[in-house]
Protein backbone atom coordinates (compact mmCIF):
# COMPACT_ATOMS: atom_id res chain seq x y z
CA UNK A 1 -30.53 6.97 33.99
CA UNK A 2 -33.12 7.60 31.35
CA UNK A 3 -32.23 11.30 30.83
CA UNK A 4 -28.81 10.57 29.36
CA UNK A 5 -27.82 12.69 26.33
CA UNK A 6 -25.32 11.21 23.91
CA UNK A 7 -23.83 13.42 21.23
CA UNK A 8 -20.77 14.26 19.17
CA UNK A 9 -18.40 16.45 21.23
CA UNK A 10 -17.34 19.93 20.15
CA UNK A 11 -13.60 20.63 19.68
CA UNK A 12 -13.46 22.59 22.85
CA UNK A 13 -14.90 19.61 24.83
CA UNK A 14 -12.20 17.12 23.69
CA UNK A 15 -9.74 17.84 26.48
CA UNK A 16 -12.49 17.09 29.17
CA UNK A 17 -13.07 13.83 27.28
CA UNK A 18 -9.37 12.93 27.30
CA UNK A 19 -9.14 13.70 30.97
CA UNK A 20 -12.18 11.51 31.71
CA UNK A 21 -10.76 8.63 29.69
CA UNK A 22 -7.36 8.84 31.42
CA UNK A 23 -9.03 8.93 34.75
CA UNK A 24 -10.87 5.67 33.94
CA UNK A 25 -7.40 4.10 33.38
CA UNK A 26 -6.07 5.69 36.60
CA UNK A 27 -3.74 7.92 34.69
CA UNK A 28 -3.34 11.71 35.42
CA UNK A 29 -4.41 14.30 32.88
CA UNK A 30 -2.07 15.45 30.18
CA UNK A 31 -0.06 18.52 30.92
CA UNK A 32 -0.91 21.85 29.16
CA UNK A 33 2.23 21.72 27.04
CA UNK A 34 1.28 18.11 25.93
CA UNK A 35 -2.28 18.91 25.00
CA UNK A 36 -1.49 20.54 21.67
CA UNK A 37 0.13 17.29 20.39
CA UNK A 38 -2.61 15.00 22.00
CA UNK A 39 -5.29 17.19 20.39
CA UNK A 40 -4.01 16.49 16.95
CA UNK A 41 -4.71 12.75 17.48
CA UNK A 42 -8.53 13.43 17.51
CA UNK A 43 -10.26 13.09 14.14
CA UNK A 44 -12.90 15.83 14.01
CA UNK A 45 -16.49 14.68 14.74
CA UNK A 46 -15.43 11.19 15.86
CA UNK A 47 -15.70 11.60 19.63
CA UNK A 48 -18.93 11.02 21.45
CA UNK A 49 -19.89 12.07 24.96
CA UNK A 50 -22.64 11.01 27.39
CA UNK A 51 -24.03 13.78 29.59
CA UNK A 52 -26.03 13.67 32.74
CA UNK A 53 -25.69 17.44 33.06
CA UNK A 54 -21.92 16.91 33.22
CA UNK A 55 -19.75 14.66 30.91
CA UNK A 56 -19.90 11.17 32.40
CA UNK A 57 -18.71 8.94 29.53
CA UNK A 58 -16.78 9.18 26.24
CA UNK A 59 -15.59 7.17 23.26
CA UNK A 60 -13.76 8.09 20.04
CA UNK A 61 -12.83 6.44 16.81
CA UNK A 62 -10.50 6.99 13.81
CA UNK A 63 -11.40 6.07 10.21
CA UNK A 64 -9.09 3.57 8.66
CA UNK A 65 -9.03 0.51 6.42
CA UNK A 66 -8.94 -3.16 7.47
CA UNK A 67 -7.19 -5.83 5.35
CA UNK A 68 -9.36 -8.95 5.12
CA UNK A 69 -8.42 -12.50 3.88
CA UNK A 70 -8.09 -12.36 0.09
CA UNK A 71 -6.36 -8.89 -0.03
CA UNK A 72 -9.40 -6.56 0.00
CA UNK A 73 -9.75 -3.59 2.39
CA UNK A 74 -12.98 -2.57 4.12
CA UNK A 75 -13.80 0.72 5.88
CA UNK A 76 -12.82 0.39 9.54
CA UNK A 77 -13.51 2.42 12.64
CA UNK A 78 -10.61 2.13 15.10
CA UNK A 79 -12.31 2.67 18.47
CA UNK A 80 -10.47 3.85 21.49
CA UNK A 81 -10.72 6.43 24.22
CA UNK A 82 -13.68 4.56 25.90
CA UNK A 83 -14.32 5.59 29.44
CA UNK A 84 -17.04 6.14 31.98
CA UNK A 85 -16.67 8.27 35.06
CA UNK A 86 -16.16 6.13 38.19
CA UNK A 87 -19.32 7.18 39.93
CA UNK A 88 -21.51 6.37 36.81
CA UNK A 89 -20.36 2.90 35.85
CA UNK A 90 -22.83 0.08 35.29
CA UNK A 91 -25.78 2.41 34.70
CA UNK A 92 -26.11 2.18 30.94
CA UNK A 93 -23.55 4.83 29.96
CA UNK A 94 -21.33 2.45 27.97
CA UNK A 95 -24.43 0.98 26.25
CA UNK A 96 -25.49 4.45 25.20
CA UNK A 97 -22.07 5.11 23.78
CA UNK A 98 -21.97 1.88 21.91
CA UNK A 99 -25.44 2.34 20.36
CA UNK A 100 -24.57 5.82 19.22
CA UNK A 101 -21.26 4.79 17.68
CA UNK A 102 -22.83 1.88 15.83
CA UNK A 103 -25.55 4.06 14.42
CA UNK A 104 -23.00 6.51 13.27
CA UNK A 105 -20.79 3.70 11.74
CA UNK A 106 -23.73 2.17 9.93
CA UNK A 107 -24.85 5.65 8.49
CA UNK A 108 -21.34 6.29 7.17
CA UNK A 109 -20.89 2.90 5.57
CA UNK A 110 -18.28 1.52 8.03
CA UNK A 111 -18.04 -2.22 7.50
CA UNK A 112 -16.13 -3.22 10.66
CA UNK A 113 -14.96 -1.70 14.03
CA UNK A 114 -12.06 -2.79 16.11
CA UNK A 115 -10.75 -1.96 19.54
CA UNK A 116 -8.12 -3.16 22.15
CA UNK A 117 -10.11 -4.17 25.21
CA UNK A 118 -8.82 -3.21 28.62
CA UNK A 119 -10.99 -5.99 30.12
CA UNK A 120 -12.00 -9.21 28.38
CA UNK A 121 -15.57 -9.32 29.70
CA UNK A 122 -16.82 -5.92 28.48
CA UNK A 123 -17.27 -5.92 24.74
CA UNK A 124 -18.72 -9.36 23.84
CA UNK A 125 -22.21 -8.30 24.68
CA UNK A 126 -21.98 -5.43 22.09
CA UNK A 127 -21.06 -7.88 19.27
CA UNK A 128 -17.28 -7.65 19.50
CA UNK A 129 -15.19 -10.80 19.35
CA UNK A 130 -11.50 -11.52 19.53
CA UNK A 131 -10.58 -11.13 15.87
CA UNK A 132 -6.77 -11.20 16.13
CA UNK A 133 -4.13 -12.66 18.46
CA UNK A 134 -0.65 -11.52 19.36
CA UNK A 135 2.24 -12.99 21.25
CA UNK A 136 5.02 -11.58 23.49
CA UNK A 137 8.56 -13.03 23.44
CA UNK A 138 12.10 -12.35 24.59
CA UNK A 139 15.41 -13.03 22.92
CA UNK A 140 18.75 -13.61 24.72
CA UNK A 141 20.82 -11.14 22.82
CA UNK A 142 24.28 -12.12 24.05
CA UNK A 143 23.70 -15.84 23.30
CA UNK A 144 21.60 -15.71 20.15
CA UNK A 145 23.26 -16.38 16.86
CA UNK A 146 21.69 -15.85 13.43
CA UNK A 147 21.89 -18.70 10.91
CA UNK A 148 24.62 -18.19 8.36
CA UNK A 149 22.39 -18.71 5.41
CA UNK A 150 20.10 -15.82 6.11
CA UNK A 151 19.97 -12.88 3.58
CA UNK A 152 22.63 -10.27 4.15
CA UNK A 153 21.67 -7.56 1.66
CA UNK A 154 20.28 -4.15 2.51
CA UNK A 155 21.29 -1.25 4.68
CA UNK A 156 20.26 0.00 8.06
CA UNK A 157 19.73 3.75 8.72
CA UNK A 158 18.91 5.44 12.04
CA UNK A 159 16.29 8.22 12.07
CA UNK A 160 15.71 10.88 14.69
CA UNK A 161 12.03 11.45 15.81
CA UNK A 162 11.36 14.18 13.21
CA UNK A 163 12.71 12.14 10.37
CA UNK A 164 10.89 9.04 11.61
CA UNK A 165 7.51 10.96 11.78
CA UNK A 166 8.21 12.22 8.27
CA UNK A 167 9.17 8.92 6.65
CA UNK A 168 7.47 6.09 8.51
CA UNK A 169 3.89 6.82 7.32
CA UNK A 170 4.90 6.28 3.70
CA UNK A 171 7.08 3.34 4.54
CA UNK A 172 4.35 1.52 6.46
CA UNK A 173 1.80 2.21 3.64
CA UNK A 174 4.20 0.64 1.18
CA UNK A 175 4.52 -2.74 3.16
CA UNK A 176 2.31 -5.74 2.42
CA UNK A 177 -0.38 -6.29 4.98
CA UNK A 178 -1.69 -9.52 6.35
CA UNK A 179 -5.40 -10.06 7.32
CA UNK A 180 -6.27 -8.11 10.44
CA UNK A 181 -3.74 -5.28 9.76
CA UNK A 182 -5.08 -1.73 9.27
CA UNK A 183 -4.00 1.40 7.50
CA UNK A 184 -2.50 4.02 9.70
CA UNK A 185 -4.26 7.41 9.03
CA UNK A 186 -2.61 10.76 9.78
CA UNK A 187 -4.44 11.12 13.09
CA UNK A 188 -3.02 7.78 14.33
CA UNK A 189 0.51 9.19 13.58
CA UNK A 190 -0.44 12.40 15.40
CA UNK A 191 -1.35 10.23 18.41
CA UNK A 192 1.99 8.38 18.24
CA UNK A 193 4.02 11.56 18.17
CA UNK A 194 3.16 12.46 21.71
CA UNK A 195 4.36 9.07 22.95
CA UNK A 196 7.55 9.32 21.05
CA UNK A 197 8.44 12.80 22.36
CA UNK A 198 7.24 12.11 25.88
CA UNK A 199 9.18 8.85 26.38
CA UNK A 200 11.47 8.76 29.39
CA UNK A 201 13.88 6.54 27.50
CA UNK A 202 15.33 7.77 24.18
CA UNK A 203 13.33 6.28 21.29
CA UNK A 204 15.31 4.83 18.38
CA UNK A 205 14.06 4.22 14.90
CA UNK A 206 15.94 2.07 12.42
CA UNK A 207 14.89 1.54 8.85
CA UNK A 208 16.04 -1.17 6.45
CA UNK A 209 16.77 -0.09 2.94
CA UNK A 210 16.23 -2.70 0.14
CA UNK A 211 16.75 -2.22 -3.59
CA UNK A 212 13.44 -0.44 -3.92
CA UNK A 213 13.60 1.81 -0.83
CA UNK A 214 12.57 1.22 2.87
CA UNK A 215 11.21 -2.36 3.22
CA UNK A 216 11.14 -2.67 6.97
CA UNK A 217 11.52 -0.57 10.24
CA UNK A 218 11.83 -1.02 13.99
CA UNK A 219 11.13 1.39 16.82
CA UNK A 220 12.59 0.56 20.22
CA UNK A 221 13.71 1.90 23.62
CA UNK A 222 16.40 0.61 25.88
CA UNK A 223 15.57 0.51 29.53
CA UNK A 224 18.57 0.33 31.93
CA UNK A 225 18.91 -0.34 35.61
CA UNK A 226 22.07 0.70 37.55
CA UNK A 227 24.76 -2.02 37.49
CA UNK A 228 23.25 -4.15 34.73
CA UNK A 229 22.91 -4.23 30.97
CA UNK A 230 19.65 -2.89 29.60
CA UNK A 231 16.53 -4.47 28.18
CA UNK A 232 15.75 -3.46 24.54
CA UNK A 233 11.95 -3.06 24.19
CA UNK A 234 10.56 -3.15 20.67
CA UNK A 235 7.50 -0.92 20.23
CA UNK A 236 6.96 -1.40 16.50
CA UNK A 237 8.44 -3.87 14.02
CA UNK A 238 7.33 -4.32 10.44
CA UNK A 239 8.94 -5.65 7.31
CA UNK A 240 8.02 -6.62 3.82
CA UNK A 241 10.87 -8.91 2.72
CA UNK A 242 12.94 -11.77 4.14
CA UNK A 243 16.06 -9.47 3.67
CA UNK A 244 14.38 -6.80 5.87
CA UNK A 245 13.32 -9.39 8.46
CA UNK A 246 16.84 -10.80 8.82
CA UNK A 247 18.49 -7.38 8.55
CA UNK A 248 16.49 -5.76 11.33
CA UNK A 249 17.19 -8.61 13.63
CA UNK A 250 20.88 -8.54 12.79
CA UNK A 251 20.90 -4.89 13.78
CA UNK A 252 18.98 -5.54 17.10
CA UNK A 253 21.34 -8.29 18.11
CA UNK A 254 24.26 -5.86 17.53
CA UNK A 255 22.99 -3.15 19.84
CA UNK A 256 25.60 -2.85 22.64
CA UNK A 257 24.85 -2.75 26.45
CA UNK A 258 21.65 -4.96 26.04
CA UNK A 259 21.12 -8.31 27.55
CA UNK A 260 17.62 -9.08 26.39
CA UNK A 261 15.34 -8.06 23.63
CA UNK A 262 11.60 -8.00 24.32
CA UNK A 263 8.82 -7.80 21.67
CA UNK A 264 5.42 -7.37 23.22
CA UNK A 265 3.17 -7.17 20.09
CA UNK A 266 4.18 -9.71 17.46
CA UNK A 267 2.17 -12.09 15.19
CA UNK A 268 1.47 -15.53 16.69
CA UNK A 269 3.05 -17.35 13.81
CA UNK A 270 6.04 -14.99 13.02
CA UNK A 271 8.96 -17.42 12.68
CA UNK A 272 11.46 -15.43 14.75
CA UNK A 273 12.83 -18.55 16.35
CA UNK A 274 13.84 -19.97 13.03
CA UNK A 275 16.29 -17.09 12.48
CA UNK A 276 18.62 -18.41 15.18
CA UNK A 277 20.97 -21.33 15.14
CA UNK A 278 19.37 -22.32 18.58
CA UNK A 279 15.61 -21.65 18.44
CA UNK A 280 15.54 -21.77 22.26
CA UNK A 281 17.09 -18.36 22.35
CA UNK A 282 13.59 -17.00 21.68
CA UNK A 283 11.10 -17.70 24.54
CA UNK A 284 7.40 -16.95 24.15
CA UNK A 285 6.21 -15.18 27.31
CA UNK A 286 2.49 -14.74 26.53
CA UNK A 287 -0.16 -15.13 23.87
CA UNK A 288 -3.23 -12.86 24.25
CA UNK A 289 -6.05 -11.14 22.47
CA UNK A 290 -5.06 -8.38 20.10
CA UNK A 291 -7.94 -6.62 18.47
CA UNK A 292 -11.58 -7.21 19.12
CA UNK A 293 -13.51 -6.93 15.90
CA UNK A 294 -17.22 -6.01 15.33
CA UNK A 295 -18.82 -6.44 11.99
CA UNK A 296 -21.12 -3.40 11.45
CA UNK A 297 -22.33 -4.64 8.02
CA UNK A 298 -22.27 -8.38 7.95
CA UNK A 299 -23.32 -8.77 4.25
CA UNK A 300 -20.66 -6.24 3.10
CA UNK A 301 -18.03 -7.89 5.27
CA UNK A 302 -18.70 -11.33 3.89
CA UNK A 303 -18.77 -10.11 0.30
CA UNK A 304 -15.36 -8.47 0.73
CA UNK A 305 -13.74 -11.58 2.18
CA UNK A 306 -12.05 -14.37 0.18
CA UNK A 307 -14.55 -17.29 -0.08
CA UNK A 308 -12.95 -20.55 -1.28
CA UNK A 309 -15.76 -22.85 -0.10
CA UNK A 310 -19.44 -23.24 0.17
CA UNK A 311 -22.33 -23.27 -0.18
CA UNK A 312 -23.07 -22.58 3.44
CA UNK A 313 -26.11 -20.99 5.21
CA UNK A 314 -25.46 -19.30 8.44
CA UNK A 315 -27.85 -17.46 10.72
CA UNK A 316 -26.57 -14.47 12.69
CA UNK A 317 -28.11 -13.05 15.86
CA UNK A 318 -27.43 -9.36 16.41
CA UNK A 319 -29.47 -7.52 19.00
CA UNK A 320 -27.50 -4.27 18.78
CA UNK A 321 -27.55 -4.03 14.98
CA UNK A 322 -30.85 -5.73 13.92
CA UNK A 323 -30.12 -5.03 10.26
CA UNK A 324 -27.47 -7.75 10.46
CA UNK A 325 -29.75 -10.40 11.82
CA UNK A 326 -30.94 -13.16 9.55
CA UNK A 327 -29.69 -15.88 7.29
CA UNK A 328 -26.93 -15.69 4.76
CA UNK A 329 -26.12 -18.01 1.83
CA UNK A 330 -22.40 -17.97 1.30
CA UNK A 331 -20.80 -19.39 -1.81
CA UNK A 332 -17.49 -18.69 -3.65
CA UNK A 333 -19.49 -16.45 -6.02
CA UNK A 334 -22.14 -14.74 -3.85
CA UNK A 335 -23.30 -13.63 -0.41
CA UNK A 336 -27.03 -13.08 -0.20
CA UNK A 337 -29.99 -13.13 2.20
CA UNK A 338 -31.88 -16.42 2.11
CA UNK A 339 -34.88 -18.18 3.61
CA UNK A 340 -33.20 -21.52 3.48
CA UNK A 341 -32.71 -23.39 6.76
CA UNK A 342 -29.58 -22.34 8.54
CA UNK A 343 -26.80 -24.91 9.03
CA UNK A 344 -24.94 -22.94 11.58
CA UNK A 345 -26.23 -20.32 13.97
CA UNK A 346 -24.17 -17.75 15.83
CA UNK A 347 -24.02 -14.43 17.47
CA UNK A 348 -22.40 -11.35 15.89
CA UNK A 349 -19.52 -11.72 18.30
CA UNK A 350 -18.77 -15.31 17.23
CA UNK A 351 -18.93 -14.38 13.54
CA UNK A 352 -16.36 -11.60 14.21
CA UNK A 353 -14.04 -14.19 15.77
CA UNK A 354 -14.21 -16.40 12.71
CA UNK A 355 -14.21 -13.59 10.07
CA UNK A 356 -10.48 -12.93 9.78
CA UNK A 357 -9.43 -16.55 10.45
CA UNK A 358 -8.20 -16.35 14.09
CA UNK A 359 -10.52 -19.11 15.15
CA UNK A 360 -11.84 -22.06 13.17
CA UNK A 361 -15.64 -22.59 13.22
CA UNK A 362 -14.97 -26.14 14.44
CA UNK A 363 -13.31 -24.76 17.53
CA UNK A 364 -16.13 -22.24 18.08
CA UNK A 365 -18.72 -25.08 17.66
CA UNK A 366 -16.82 -27.36 20.05
CA UNK A 367 -17.10 -24.60 22.76
CA UNK A 368 -20.75 -23.96 22.15
CA UNK A 369 -20.37 -20.58 20.41
CA UNK A 370 -21.79 -21.96 17.12
CA UNK A 371 -25.06 -24.05 17.25
CA UNK A 372 -24.93 -26.73 14.62
CA UNK A 373 -27.94 -28.13 12.91
CA UNK A 374 -25.96 -29.78 10.01
CA UNK A 375 -22.76 -31.48 11.27
CA UNK A 376 -21.43 -31.68 7.76
CA UNK A 377 -21.41 -27.87 7.49
CA UNK A 378 -18.72 -27.40 10.10
CA UNK A 379 -16.00 -28.68 7.83
CA UNK A 380 -17.36 -26.46 5.05
CA UNK A 381 -17.20 -23.49 7.39
CA UNK A 382 -13.55 -24.32 8.33
CA UNK A 383 -12.62 -24.32 4.68
CA UNK A 384 -14.60 -21.00 4.10
CA UNK A 385 -13.22 -19.05 7.01
CA UNK A 386 -9.72 -20.52 7.25
CA UNK A 387 -6.98 -18.01 6.46
CA UNK A 388 -3.60 -18.56 4.87
CA UNK A 389 -1.87 -16.61 7.56
CA UNK A 390 -2.80 -15.95 11.23
CA UNK A 391 -4.53 -12.58 11.37
CA UNK A 392 -2.67 -9.88 13.36
CA UNK A 393 -3.26 -6.15 13.69
CA UNK A 394 0.15 -4.82 14.46
CA UNK A 395 -1.08 -1.36 15.31
CA UNK A 396 -2.04 -0.18 18.76
CA UNK A 397 -4.66 2.56 19.01
């Protein structure tokens, strides 16, 4: 398929792109009355299409910021809406989309890209690696009891959808972020609005007020079946203080006609179990990949990140973005290109896995993802890339 044309889509082509993407997920097109809201979630000039006379592939992104270890933010492209028409898969369409996106990202100074992968075998060949992890868990609401020594200050307020869409963007922006979390630009909130309004179950938003304003919130739905209590499903939960953490869970445990609380998108190391007198009231049901990260500018990414160890010389292989390929000297004070012999060698996907701290270089080396020429450098790399907290995105896009 050498005659493929890949370009930025016009505004009047976005609905066709949305329909193609949904078809790739075996989901019907949005209805006419839903398109106005869906359309608002598209950032202008960030959606690509591949044409073979007709549109056969698409991908979009939204500009945001990514928090990295040490507290700095780097320009991020949140990639989503990737789909190829069923009769044109495995013919280079996705490769054409990825190359065009990377070229655009590099030209605009994007440092990293991230996506949620529908399949785990697709994106590694394009330099993406599992950069954050998440866990799912459930809590037995009727049996769980909070510890008596937890903070009890603060107030809970319920918001309707309009009030939530008005107040949550500022509330989220005011919360502390851990590595791997991203800003939520306006187009992200536009995309969320459609889901909130189209939900079959009523969506409830509760915010926790601390002394300085909103310091946490939860968005949830209760799914009920005839003849039984419901299941409370948490869609979004964030907090900035121990008081908000305890206060939001105190509220959730008090919701009537609910037997079980399910959280499907939490940090791996969030200590929910320790809130309860019996930690076994919380059961982990799954740990899985969260965001797949791609470093578009390796040197800028390494410079932005906290570096508490070194020196270390790594060599990066990056066929899709050749400007990243080469050797880098990393110290607490600098990141620079070098001609020194590499102590560790890895692909761009592997570097992305280590970048936020989700995977220690020693684990990546033990599984053959890092090629080691200096065994002593592995411990240095563990100190360099280790993170104080396990990275987590916390935002689905």
